[in-house]
Structures are given as structure tokens and as C-alpha cells.
Amino acid sequence: MENLEQYEQAIAAFDKALEINPDYYQAWYFRGVALIKLRRFKEGYASAKNARKLILIFL
């Protein structure tokens, strides 16, 4: 149960980071990881997809 709360807190922190800088691909990636850990697969996949898109732009 404690881990689930930590994932929720992490998602909130990533959301704040993304409000400041929507191109922060690491935040998109780790947000996706946290969402997948919570079994929120569609949202997690969408976050990971955003991260991948940004990585391809910046590399």
C-alpha cells in the first residue's frame, strides 16, 4: 500500500515538472513507469510515447 502512495506522489511531482517544462522527456518517461506500476496502462503508454517522441526530436 505504501508503494502505491509513493507512485501517486511521484506522478504528482512529474506533473508539476511537466507544467514547468513540457519537453522534459525524463519526466514523461518516469511518469509512464509510475502509471504502469499502478496498472494504469493506457496513461502509462501515452506518457512513454510522449517521452519517445521528445527523445527522437532532441537526439
C-alpha atoms as a PDB file:
ATOM      1  CA  MET A   1       0.000   0.000   0.000  1.00  0.00           C
ATOM      2  CA  GLU A   2       2.826   2.387   0.853  1.00  0.00           C
ATOM      3  CA  ASN A   3       4.435   1.885  -2.552  1.00  0.00           C
ATOM      4  CA  LEU A   4       1.180   2.800  -4.282  1.00  0.00           C
ATOM      5  CA  GLU A   5       1.139   6.107  -2.408  1.00  0.00           C
ATOM      6  CA  GLN A   6       4.736   6.756  -3.437  1.00  0.00           C
ATOM      7  CA  TYR A   7       3.841   6.184  -7.085  1.00  0.00           C
ATOM      8  CA  GLU A   8       0.927   8.612  -6.773  1.00  0.00           C
ATOM      9  CA  GLN A   9       3.241  11.198  -5.205  1.00  0.00           C
ATOM     10  CA  ALA A  10       5.796  10.648  -7.961  1.00  0.00           C
ATOM     11  CA  ILE A  11       3.152  11.164 -10.643  1.00  0.00           C
ATOM     12  CA  ALA A  12       2.097  14.421  -8.991  1.00  0.00           C
ATOM     13  CA  ALA A  13       5.731  15.578  -8.932  1.00  0.00           C
ATOM     14  CA  PHE A  14       6.217  14.671 -12.600  1.00  0.00           C
ATOM     15  CA  ASP A  15       3.021  16.525 -13.481  1.00  0.00           C
ATOM     16  CA  LYS A  16       4.367  19.656 -11.760  1.00  0.00           C
ATOM     17  CA  ALA A  17       7.678  19.316 -13.593  1.00  0.00           C
ATOM     18  CA  LEU A  18       5.831  18.960 -16.893  1.00  0.00           C
ATOM     19  CA  GLU A  19       3.806  22.112 -16.191  1.00  0.00           C
ATOM     20  CA  ILE A  20       7.107  23.974 -15.985  1.00  0.00           C
ATOM     21  CA  ASN A  21       8.772  22.216 -18.912  1.00  0.00           C
ATOM     22  CA  PRO A  22       6.563  20.070 -21.168  1.00  0.00           C
ATOM     23  CA  ASP A  23       9.660  18.970 -23.120  1.00  0.00           C
ATOM     24  CA  TYR A  24      11.213  17.250 -20.084  1.00  0.00           C
ATOM     25  CA  TYR A  25      11.314  13.772 -21.574  1.00  0.00           C
ATOM     26  CA  GLN A  26      12.670  12.102 -18.430  1.00  0.00           C
ATOM     27  CA  ALA A  27       9.595  13.263 -16.508  1.00  0.00           C
ATOM     28  CA  TRP A  28       7.337  11.828 -19.222  1.00  0.00           C
ATOM     29  CA  TYR A  29       9.216   8.531 -19.117  1.00  0.00           C
ATOM     30  CA  PHE A  30       9.243   8.055 -15.354  1.00  0.00           C
ATOM     31  CA  ARG A  31       5.640   9.273 -15.114  1.00  0.00           C
ATOM     32  CA  GLY A  32       4.806   6.440 -17.508  1.00  0.00           C
ATOM     33  CA  VAL A  33       6.714   3.934 -15.391  1.00  0.00           C
ATOM     34  CA  ALA A  34       4.841   5.011 -12.254  1.00  0.00           C
ATOM     35  CA  LEU A  35       1.494   4.804 -14.032  1.00  0.00           C
ATOM     36  CA  ILE A  36       2.261   1.313 -15.295  1.00  0.00           C
ATOM     37  CA  LYS A  37       3.235   0.240 -11.764  1.00  0.00           C
ATOM     38  CA  LEU A  38      -0.245   1.373 -10.741  1.00  0.00           C
ATOM     39  CA  ARG A  39      -1.666  -0.686 -13.617  1.00  0.00           C
ATOM     40  CA  ARG A  40      -2.889   2.443 -15.401  1.00  0.00           C
ATOM     41  CA  PHE A  41      -1.605   1.088 -18.681  1.00  0.00           C
ATOM     42  CA  LYS A  42      -3.230   3.451 -21.191  1.00  0.00           C
ATOM     43  CA  GLU A  43      -1.988   6.539 -19.368  1.00  0.00           C
ATOM     44  CA  GLY A  44       1.433   4.983 -18.850  1.00  0.00           C
ATOM     45  CA  TYR A  45       1.737   4.112 -22.511  1.00  0.00           C
ATOM     46  CA  ALA A  46       0.730   7.651 -23.507  1.00  0.00           C
ATOM     47  CA  SER A  47       3.403   9.135 -21.232  1.00  0.00           C
ATOM     48  CA  ALA A  48       6.047   6.782 -22.568  1.00  0.00           C
ATOM     49  CA  LYS A  49       5.001   7.641 -26.113  1.00  0.00           C
ATOM     50  CA  ASN A  50       5.469  11.366 -25.350  1.00  0.00           C
ATOM     51  CA  ALA A  51       8.912  10.633 -23.920  1.00  0.00           C
ATOM     52  CA  ARG A  52       9.903   8.664 -27.015  1.00  0.00           C
ATOM     53  CA  LYS A  53       8.693  11.411 -29.330  1.00  0.00           C
ATOM     54  CA  LEU A  54      10.720  14.028 -27.436  1.00  0.00           C
ATOM     55  CA  ILE A  55      13.825  11.854 -27.348  1.00  0.00           C
ATOM     56  CA  LEU A  56      13.697  11.475 -31.109  1.00  0.00           C
ATOM     57  CA  ILE A  57      13.369  15.249 -31.522  1.00  0.00           C
ATOM     58  CA  PHE A  58      16.291  16.084 -29.234  1.00  0.00           C
ATOM     59  CA  LEU A  59      18.737  13.400 -30.369  1.00  0.00           C
END
